[in-house]
Amino acid sequence: MPSAADHLESRLAHVEVRLRRQRFAIALGATFLLASAFRGDTRLGPLRTTELQLIDAAGQRLAQLAPVAGGAALTLYDSAGRARLRLFHDTAQTALFLHDTTQTIRVGLAQFNHGGGGLALHGPHSRGAAVLYFKSRGTLTFYGDSGQHLYQVPERPD
């Protein structure tokens, strides 16, 4: 007489086979629908637009790809509609910014067209920062809550 474990294993194997068959049927149906939609012409060509937005079922904007002066920006939004991540390239830099819920940039990563690049960690409301920067040499600089220079490695020459 088969044990409960053997019976459970047999049922699980049966479910796995059914799931594989269902996935195959869905893939086959999707292929058929796509082939019908394009009527044999698979040359779609470029999609051209001035802005692209991704929205959810309720119409809430989740992401946006849009032009900026000299480039383009991809922005991701939270459920309250606030920009939380921004990736962009313009005439001065290529950068990634992470924003908190107050729209303050808390993390910035940039490569500047003049050759330098860096990583900045900002405090709440942009008060205080740690900035790692490299162009011809690297520095790590700390700023206080009111923007004052606190410390730099290597130290600034006097």
N, C-alpha and C. Protein backbone atom coordinates (compact mmCIF):
# COMPACT_ATOMS: atom_id res chain seq x y z
N MET A 1 0.84 -1.18 0.00
CA MET A 1 0.00 0.00 0.00
C MET A 1 0.89 1.25 0.00
N PRO A 2 0.63 2.19 -0.94
CA PRO A 2 1.47 3.39 -1.02
C PRO A 2 1.29 4.27 0.21
N SER A 3 2.39 4.91 0.62
CA SER A 3 2.34 5.80 1.78
C SER A 3 1.75 7.15 1.37
N ALA A 4 1.44 7.96 2.37
CA ALA A 4 0.90 9.30 2.11
C ALA A 4 1.92 10.15 1.35
N ALA A 5 3.19 9.96 1.66
CA ALA A 5 4.25 10.72 0.97
C ALA A 5 4.31 10.31 -0.50
N ASP A 6 4.19 9.00 -0.77
CA ASP A 6 4.19 8.53 -2.16
C ASP A 6 2.99 9.09 -2.93
N HIS A 7 1.83 9.08 -2.28
CA HIS A 7 0.63 9.62 -2.91
C HIS A 7 0.78 11.11 -3.20
N LEU A 8 1.33 11.86 -2.23
CA LEU A 8 1.55 13.29 -2.41
C LEU A 8 2.54 13.56 -3.53
N GLU A 9 3.61 12.75 -3.58
CA GLU A 9 4.61 12.91 -4.64
C GLU A 9 4.00 12.62 -6.01
N SER A 10 3.16 11.63 -6.11
CA SER A 10 2.49 11.29 -7.37
C SER A 10 1.57 12.43 -7.82
N ARG A 11 0.82 12.99 -6.89
CA ARG A 11 -0.07 14.10 -7.23
C ARG A 11 0.71 15.33 -7.65
N LEU A 12 1.83 15.61 -6.97
CA LEU A 12 2.68 16.74 -7.32
C LEU A 12 3.24 16.59 -8.73
N ALA A 13 3.67 15.38 -9.07
CA ALA A 13 4.19 15.12 -10.42
C ALA A 13 3.08 15.35 -11.45
N HIS A 14 1.87 14.94 -11.14
CA HIS A 14 0.74 15.14 -12.05
C HIS A 14 0.46 16.63 -12.25
N VAL A 15 0.51 17.41 -11.17
CA VAL A 15 0.29 18.85 -11.25
C VAL A 15 1.38 19.51 -12.10
N GLU A 16 2.63 19.09 -11.91
CA GLU A 16 3.73 19.65 -12.70
C GLU A 16 3.52 19.40 -14.19
N VAL A 17 3.09 18.20 -14.55
CA VAL A 17 2.83 17.88 -15.96
C VAL A 17 1.72 18.77 -16.50
N ARG A 18 0.66 18.96 -15.74
CA ARG A 18 -0.45 19.82 -16.18
C ARG A 18 0.01 21.25 -16.36
N LEU A 19 0.84 21.75 -15.44
CA LEU A 19 1.34 23.12 -15.56
C LEU A 19 2.21 23.29 -16.80
N ARG A 20 3.06 22.30 -17.09
CA ARG A 20 3.88 22.37 -18.31
C ARG A 20 3.00 22.42 -19.55
N ARG A 21 1.98 21.60 -19.57
CA ARG A 21 1.06 21.58 -20.73
C ARG A 21 0.33 22.92 -20.86
N GLN A 22 -0.11 23.49 -19.74
CA GLN A 22 -0.80 24.77 -19.79
C GLN A 22 0.12 25.87 -20.29
N ARG A 23 1.37 25.91 -19.80
CA ARG A 23 2.33 26.92 -20.27
C ARG A 23 2.58 26.78 -21.76
N PHE A 24 2.69 25.54 -22.23
CA PHE A 24 2.90 25.32 -23.66
C PHE A 24 1.70 25.81 -24.46
N ALA A 25 0.50 25.53 -23.98
CA ALA A 25 -0.72 25.98 -24.67
C ALA A 25 -0.80 27.50 -24.70
N ILE A 26 -0.45 28.16 -23.60
CA ILE A 26 -0.48 29.62 -23.55
C ILE A 26 0.54 30.20 -24.52
N ALA A 27 1.75 29.65 -24.53
CA ALA A 27 2.79 30.13 -25.44
C ALA A 27 2.37 29.93 -26.89
N LEU A 28 1.79 28.78 -27.19
CA LEU A 28 1.33 28.50 -28.55
C LEU A 28 0.21 29.48 -28.95
N GLY A 29 -0.72 29.73 -28.04
CA GLY A 29 -1.80 30.67 -28.33
C GLY A 29 -1.28 32.08 -28.53
N ALA A 30 -0.34 32.51 -27.70
CA ALA A 30 0.23 33.85 -27.85
C ALA A 30 0.96 33.98 -29.18
N THR A 31 1.69 32.94 -29.56
CA THR A 31 2.39 32.96 -30.85
C THR A 31 1.39 33.08 -31.99
N PHE A 32 0.29 32.33 -31.91
CA PHE A 32 -0.74 32.39 -32.94
C PHE A 32 -1.36 33.79 -33.02
N LEU A 33 -1.66 34.38 -31.85
CA LEU A 33 -2.25 35.72 -31.83
C LEU A 33 -1.30 36.77 -32.42
N LEU A 34 -0.03 36.70 -32.05
CA LEU A 34 0.95 37.65 -32.58
C LEU A 34 1.11 37.49 -34.09
N ALA A 35 1.17 36.24 -34.53
CA ALA A 35 1.30 36.00 -35.97
C ALA A 35 0.08 36.53 -36.72
N SER A 36 -1.08 36.37 -36.14
CA SER A 36 -2.30 36.88 -36.77
C SER A 36 -2.31 38.40 -36.79
N ALA A 37 -1.86 39.00 -35.71
CA ALA A 37 -1.87 40.46 -35.62
C ALA A 37 -0.97 41.10 -36.65
N PHE A 38 0.17 40.50 -36.91
CA PHE A 38 1.12 41.08 -37.86
C PHE A 38 0.92 40.57 -39.28
N ARG A 39 0.07 39.60 -39.47
CA ARG A 39 -0.25 39.04 -40.79
C ARG A 39 1.01 38.75 -41.61
N GLY A 40 1.96 38.15 -40.93
CA GLY A 40 3.16 37.74 -41.64
C GLY A 40 4.22 38.81 -41.76
N ASP A 41 3.91 40.07 -41.47
CA ASP A 41 4.89 41.15 -41.58
C ASP A 41 5.50 41.40 -40.22
N THR A 42 6.74 40.95 -40.02
CA THR A 42 7.39 41.10 -38.72
C THR A 42 8.27 42.34 -38.66
N ARG A 43 8.25 43.18 -39.68
CA ARG A 43 9.06 44.40 -39.68
C ARG A 43 8.28 45.51 -38.99
N LEU A 44 8.55 45.71 -37.72
CA LEU A 44 7.81 46.72 -36.98
C LEU A 44 8.40 48.12 -37.18
N GLY A 45 9.69 48.22 -37.33
CA GLY A 45 10.32 49.53 -37.47
C GLY A 45 10.43 50.23 -36.14
N PRO A 46 11.01 51.42 -36.14
CA PRO A 46 11.20 52.14 -34.88
C PRO A 46 9.89 52.72 -34.35
N LEU A 47 9.77 52.75 -33.04
CA LEU A 47 8.66 53.42 -32.38
C LEU A 47 9.13 54.83 -32.09
N ARG A 48 8.42 55.84 -32.56
CA ARG A 48 8.84 57.22 -32.38
C ARG A 48 7.77 57.97 -31.60
N THR A 49 8.22 58.64 -30.54
CA THR A 49 7.31 59.43 -29.72
C THR A 49 8.12 60.46 -28.96
N THR A 50 7.46 61.47 -28.43
CA THR A 50 8.17 62.48 -27.64
C THR A 50 8.18 62.13 -26.17
N GLU A 51 7.34 61.18 -25.74
CA GLU A 51 7.29 60.76 -24.35
C GLU A 51 6.63 59.40 -24.27
N LEU A 52 7.13 58.59 -23.37
CA LEU A 52 6.56 57.27 -23.16
C LEU A 52 6.26 57.12 -21.67
N GLN A 53 5.03 56.76 -21.32
CA GLN A 53 4.67 56.58 -19.92
C GLN A 53 4.14 55.18 -19.71
N LEU A 54 4.51 54.61 -18.56
CA LEU A 54 3.97 53.33 -18.13
C LEU A 54 3.00 53.64 -17.01
N ILE A 55 1.75 53.20 -17.15
CA ILE A 55 0.74 53.47 -16.13
C ILE A 55 0.15 52.15 -15.66
N ASP A 56 -0.41 52.15 -14.45
CA ASP A 56 -1.06 50.94 -13.95
C ASP A 56 -2.53 50.93 -14.36
N ALA A 57 -3.25 49.94 -13.90
CA ALA A 57 -4.67 49.79 -14.29
C ALA A 57 -5.52 50.96 -13.85
N ALA A 58 -5.12 51.68 -12.80
CA ALA A 58 -5.88 52.83 -12.31
C ALA A 58 -5.47 54.13 -12.98
N GLY A 59 -4.51 54.07 -13.91
CA GLY A 59 -4.06 55.28 -14.59
C GLY A 59 -2.92 56.00 -13.89
N GLN A 60 -2.40 55.43 -12.80
CA GLN A 60 -1.30 56.02 -12.05
C GLN A 60 0.01 55.84 -12.82
N ARG A 61 0.75 56.92 -12.99
CA ARG A 61 2.02 56.86 -13.71
C ARG A 61 3.05 56.12 -12.86
N LEU A 62 3.67 55.09 -13.45
CA LEU A 62 4.69 54.31 -12.77
C LEU A 62 6.08 54.68 -13.26
N ALA A 63 6.19 55.00 -14.55
CA ALA A 63 7.49 55.32 -15.15
C ALA A 63 7.27 56.25 -16.34
N GLN A 64 8.32 57.01 -16.67
CA GLN A 64 8.25 57.93 -17.80
C GLN A 64 9.62 58.01 -18.46
N LEU A 65 9.63 57.95 -19.76
CA LEU A 65 10.83 58.16 -20.55
C LEU A 65 10.55 59.39 -21.41
N ALA A 66 11.34 60.45 -21.22
CA ALA A 66 11.05 61.71 -21.89
C ALA A 66 12.35 62.46 -22.19
N PRO A 67 12.30 63.35 -23.17
CA PRO A 67 13.49 64.14 -23.47
C PRO A 67 13.76 65.19 -22.39
N VAL A 68 15.04 65.50 -22.21
CA VAL A 68 15.49 66.63 -21.39
C VAL A 68 16.46 67.40 -22.27
N ALA A 69 16.81 68.60 -21.87
CA ALA A 69 17.73 69.42 -22.68
C ALA A 69 19.00 68.62 -22.98
N GLY A 70 19.22 68.31 -24.23
CA GLY A 70 20.43 67.61 -24.64
C GLY A 70 20.45 66.12 -24.37
N GLY A 71 19.31 65.51 -24.05
CA GLY A 71 19.32 64.08 -23.79
C GLY A 71 17.95 63.53 -23.47
N ALA A 72 17.94 62.51 -22.60
CA ALA A 72 16.69 61.85 -22.21
C ALA A 72 16.77 61.43 -20.76
N ALA A 73 15.58 61.25 -20.14
CA ALA A 73 15.51 60.84 -18.74
C ALA A 73 14.47 59.73 -18.58
N LEU A 74 14.81 58.76 -17.74
CA LEU A 74 13.89 57.71 -17.34
C LEU A 74 13.61 57.93 -15.86
N THR A 75 12.34 58.10 -15.50
CA THR A 75 11.97 58.36 -14.11
C THR A 75 10.99 57.29 -13.65
N LEU A 76 11.23 56.73 -12.45
CA LEU A 76 10.31 55.78 -11.84
C LEU A 76 9.62 56.47 -10.67
N TYR A 77 8.33 56.21 -10.51
CA TYR A 77 7.51 56.88 -9.51
C TYR A 77 6.99 55.89 -8.47
N ASP A 78 6.76 56.37 -7.24
CA ASP A 78 6.15 55.52 -6.22
C ASP A 78 4.64 55.59 -6.31
N SER A 79 3.95 54.91 -5.41
CA SER A 79 2.48 54.84 -5.47
C SER A 79 1.82 56.18 -5.20
N ALA A 80 2.55 57.14 -4.62
CA ALA A 80 2.01 58.48 -4.38
C ALA A 80 2.33 59.44 -5.53
N GLY A 81 2.96 58.93 -6.59
CA GLY A 81 3.26 59.76 -7.74
C GLY A 81 4.55 60.57 -7.61
N ARG A 82 5.36 60.26 -6.61
CA ARG A 82 6.62 60.99 -6.41
C ARG A 82 7.75 60.30 -7.17
N ALA A 83 8.60 61.10 -7.80
CA ALA A 83 9.78 60.56 -8.49
C ALA A 83 10.71 59.96 -7.45
N ARG A 84 11.09 58.69 -7.63
CA ARG A 84 11.97 58.03 -6.67
C ARG A 84 13.31 57.65 -7.28
N LEU A 85 13.34 57.43 -8.59
CA LEU A 85 14.58 57.10 -9.26
C LEU A 85 14.61 57.82 -10.60
N ARG A 86 15.74 58.44 -10.90
CA ARG A 86 15.86 59.15 -12.17
C ARG A 86 17.20 58.82 -12.79
N LEU A 87 17.16 58.34 -14.01
CA LEU A 87 18.35 58.02 -14.79
C LEU A 87 18.30 58.93 -16.00
N PHE A 88 19.37 59.72 -16.21
CA PHE A 88 19.33 60.60 -17.36
C PHE A 88 20.70 60.87 -17.92
N HIS A 89 20.67 61.35 -19.14
CA HIS A 89 21.87 61.79 -19.83
C HIS A 89 21.52 63.13 -20.48
N ASP A 90 22.39 64.12 -20.25
CA ASP A 90 22.21 65.41 -20.90
C ASP A 90 23.58 65.91 -21.36
N THR A 91 23.67 67.18 -21.69
CA THR A 91 24.92 67.71 -22.24
C THR A 91 26.04 67.77 -21.20
N ALA A 92 25.72 67.67 -19.91
CA ALA A 92 26.74 67.79 -18.87
C ALA A 92 27.14 66.46 -18.24
N GLN A 93 26.22 65.49 -18.22
CA GLN A 93 26.49 64.29 -17.45
C GLN A 93 25.57 63.14 -17.81
N THR A 94 25.96 61.98 -17.32
CA THR A 94 25.09 60.81 -17.28
C THR A 94 24.97 60.48 -15.81
N ALA A 95 23.74 60.38 -15.29
CA ALA A 95 23.58 60.27 -13.85
C ALA A 95 22.40 59.40 -13.45
N LEU A 96 22.50 58.92 -12.22
CA LEU A 96 21.43 58.16 -11.58
C LEU A 96 21.18 58.81 -10.22
N PHE A 97 19.94 59.18 -9.94
CA PHE A 97 19.58 59.80 -8.67
C PHE A 97 18.48 59.00 -8.00
N LEU A 98 18.64 58.75 -6.70
CA LEU A 98 17.60 58.12 -5.89
C LEU A 98 17.04 59.17 -4.96
N HIS A 99 15.72 59.35 -4.98
CA HIS A 99 15.04 60.37 -4.19
C HIS A 99 14.31 59.72 -3.02
N ASP A 100 14.20 60.45 -1.92
CA ASP A 100 13.37 59.97 -0.81
C ASP A 100 11.94 60.47 -1.02
N THR A 101 11.08 60.24 -0.03
CA THR A 101 9.67 60.63 -0.17
C THR A 101 9.45 62.13 -0.15
N THR A 102 10.48 62.92 0.24
CA THR A 102 10.34 64.38 0.21
C THR A 102 10.91 64.97 -1.08
N GLN A 103 11.26 64.10 -2.03
CA GLN A 103 11.83 64.48 -3.32
C GLN A 103 13.29 64.94 -3.22
N THR A 104 13.93 64.71 -2.07
CA THR A 104 15.34 65.04 -1.89
C THR A 104 16.19 63.95 -2.54
N ILE A 105 17.20 64.35 -3.27
CA ILE A 105 18.14 63.37 -3.81
C ILE A 105 18.97 62.87 -2.64
N ARG A 106 18.89 61.58 -2.36
CA ARG A 106 19.64 60.99 -1.25
C ARG A 106 20.90 60.28 -1.73
N VAL A 107 20.86 59.75 -2.96
CA VAL A 107 22.02 59.10 -3.54
C VAL A 107 22.15 59.59 -4.98
N GLY A 108 23.34 60.02 -5.34
CA GLY A 108 23.60 60.45 -6.71
C GLY A 108 24.86 59.78 -7.22
N LEU A 109 24.78 59.31 -8.44
CA LEU A 109 25.93 58.68 -9.10
C LEU A 109 26.03 59.33 -10.46
N ALA A 110 27.18 59.92 -10.77
CA ALA A 110 27.29 60.66 -12.03
C ALA A 110 28.65 60.47 -12.67
N GLN A 111 28.65 60.52 -13.99
CA GLN A 111 29.87 60.58 -14.79
C GLN A 111 29.71 61.84 -15.61
N PHE A 112 30.62 62.79 -15.40
CA PHE A 112 30.52 64.09 -16.05
C PHE A 112 31.27 64.10 -17.37
N ASN A 113 30.78 64.91 -18.30
CA ASN A 113 31.41 64.98 -19.62
C ASN A 113 32.83 65.53 -19.56
N HIS A 114 33.20 66.26 -18.50
CA HIS A 114 34.57 66.78 -18.38
C HIS A 114 35.54 65.69 -17.92
N GLY A 115 35.03 64.47 -17.65
CA GLY A 115 35.91 63.36 -17.32
C GLY A 115 35.83 62.89 -15.89
N GLY A 116 35.32 63.69 -14.99
CA GLY A 116 35.20 63.28 -13.60
C GLY A 116 33.94 62.49 -13.36
N GLY A 117 33.90 61.85 -12.21
CA GLY A 117 32.72 61.10 -11.83
C GLY A 117 32.67 60.94 -10.34
N GLY A 118 31.49 60.63 -9.82
CA GLY A 118 31.43 60.49 -8.38
C GLY A 118 30.15 59.88 -7.87
N LEU A 119 30.16 59.69 -6.57
CA LEU A 119 29.03 59.15 -5.83
C LEU A 119 28.79 60.07 -4.64
N ALA A 120 27.55 60.49 -4.44
CA ALA A 120 27.23 61.37 -3.31
C ALA A 120 26.09 60.77 -2.51
N LEU A 121 26.26 60.78 -1.20
CA LEU A 121 25.21 60.36 -0.26
C LEU A 121 24.79 61.60 0.50
N HIS A 122 23.52 61.96 0.40
CA HIS A 122 23.02 63.18 1.02
C HIS A 122 22.14 62.85 2.22
N GLY A 123 22.16 63.73 3.20
CA GLY A 123 21.31 63.57 4.37
C GLY A 123 19.90 64.05 4.09
N PRO A 124 19.01 63.92 5.08
CA PRO A 124 17.63 64.39 4.91
C PRO A 124 17.60 65.87 4.53
N HIS A 125 16.75 66.23 3.62
CA HIS A 125 16.59 67.60 3.13
C HIS A 125 17.91 68.17 2.61
N SER A 126 18.76 67.31 2.07
CA SER A 126 20.07 67.67 1.51
C SER A 126 21.00 68.29 2.55
N ARG A 127 20.81 67.98 3.80
CA ARG A 127 21.69 68.50 4.87
C ARG A 127 22.75 67.45 5.16
N GLY A 128 23.99 67.84 4.90
CA GLY A 128 25.11 66.93 5.09
C GLY A 128 25.28 66.02 3.89
N ALA A 129 26.51 65.61 3.66
CA ALA A 129 26.78 64.73 2.53
C ALA A 129 28.14 64.09 2.68
N ALA A 130 28.28 62.95 2.03
CA ALA A 130 29.57 62.30 1.83
C ALA A 130 29.72 62.16 0.32
N VAL A 131 30.81 62.72 -0.22
CA VAL A 131 30.99 62.74 -1.68
C VAL A 131 32.31 62.08 -2.04
N LEU A 132 32.23 61.03 -2.82
CA LEU A 132 33.40 60.37 -3.37
C LEU A 132 33.52 60.83 -4.81
N TYR A 133 34.65 61.46 -5.15
CA TYR A 133 34.81 62.06 -6.49
C TYR A 133 36.17 61.68 -7.05
N PHE A 134 36.21 61.44 -8.35
CA PHE A 134 37.48 61.16 -9.00
C PHE A 134 37.52 61.81 -10.37
N LYS A 135 38.61 62.54 -10.62
CA LYS A 135 38.91 63.03 -11.97
C LYS A 135 40.38 62.72 -12.20
N SER A 136 41.25 63.60 -11.80
CA SER A 136 42.68 63.30 -11.92
C SER A 136 43.20 62.59 -10.68
N ARG A 137 42.48 62.76 -9.58
CA ARG A 137 42.78 62.05 -8.34
C ARG A 137 41.48 61.90 -7.56
N GLY A 138 41.46 60.98 -6.65
CA GLY A 138 40.25 60.72 -5.90
C GLY A 138 40.19 61.47 -4.60
N THR A 139 39.00 61.85 -4.18
CA THR A 139 38.78 62.47 -2.89
C THR A 139 37.50 61.91 -2.28
N LEU A 140 37.47 61.93 -0.97
CA LEU A 140 36.26 61.63 -0.22
C LEU A 140 36.05 62.82 0.70
N THR A 141 34.94 63.53 0.53
CA THR A 141 34.69 64.77 1.27
C THR A 141 33.40 64.64 2.05
N PHE A 142 33.42 65.16 3.29
CA PHE A 142 32.24 65.17 4.15
C PHE A 142 31.82 66.61 4.39
N TYR A 143 30.50 66.85 4.27
CA TYR A 143 29.93 68.18 4.49
C TYR A 143 28.94 68.11 5.64
N GLY A 144 28.86 69.19 6.43
CA GLY A 144 27.95 69.26 7.56
C GLY A 144 26.55 69.66 7.15
N ASP A 145 25.68 69.74 8.14
CA ASP A 145 24.27 70.05 7.90
C ASP A 145 24.03 71.41 7.24
N SER A 146 24.93 72.36 7.44
CA SER A 146 24.74 73.67 6.81
C SER A 146 25.65 73.85 5.58
N GLY A 147 26.19 72.75 5.08
CA GLY A 147 27.01 72.81 3.87
C GLY A 147 28.48 73.06 4.12
N GLN A 148 28.90 73.21 5.36
CA GLN A 148 30.30 73.48 5.66
C GLN A 148 31.15 72.23 5.40
N HIS A 149 32.35 72.48 4.91
CA HIS A 149 33.33 71.43 4.66
C HIS A 149 33.82 70.90 6.00
N LEU A 150 33.67 69.62 6.26
CA LEU A 150 34.10 69.04 7.53
C LEU A 150 35.46 68.35 7.42
N TYR A 151 35.60 67.51 6.39
CA TYR A 151 36.79 66.69 6.31
C TYR A 151 36.94 66.17 4.88
N GLN A 152 38.18 66.05 4.45
CA GLN A 152 38.43 65.52 3.11
C GLN A 152 39.63 64.59 3.14
N VAL A 153 39.55 63.49 2.44
CA VAL A 153 40.65 62.54 2.31
C VAL A 153 40.97 62.44 0.83
N PRO A 154 42.18 62.64 0.37
CA PRO A 154 43.25 63.24 1.15
C PRO A 154 42.88 64.69 1.47
N GLU A 155 43.53 65.21 2.50
CA GLU A 155 43.22 66.57 2.94
C GLU A 155 43.49 67.59 1.86
N ARG A 156 42.73 68.67 1.87
CA ARG A 156 42.92 69.76 0.91
C ARG A 156 44.25 70.46 1.20
N PRO A 157 44.97 70.85 0.15
CA PRO A 157 46.18 71.63 0.40
C PRO A 157 45.81 73.03 0.88
N ASP A 158 46.57 73.57 1.85
CA ASP A 158 46.27 74.91 2.37
C ASP A 158 46.78 76.00 1.48
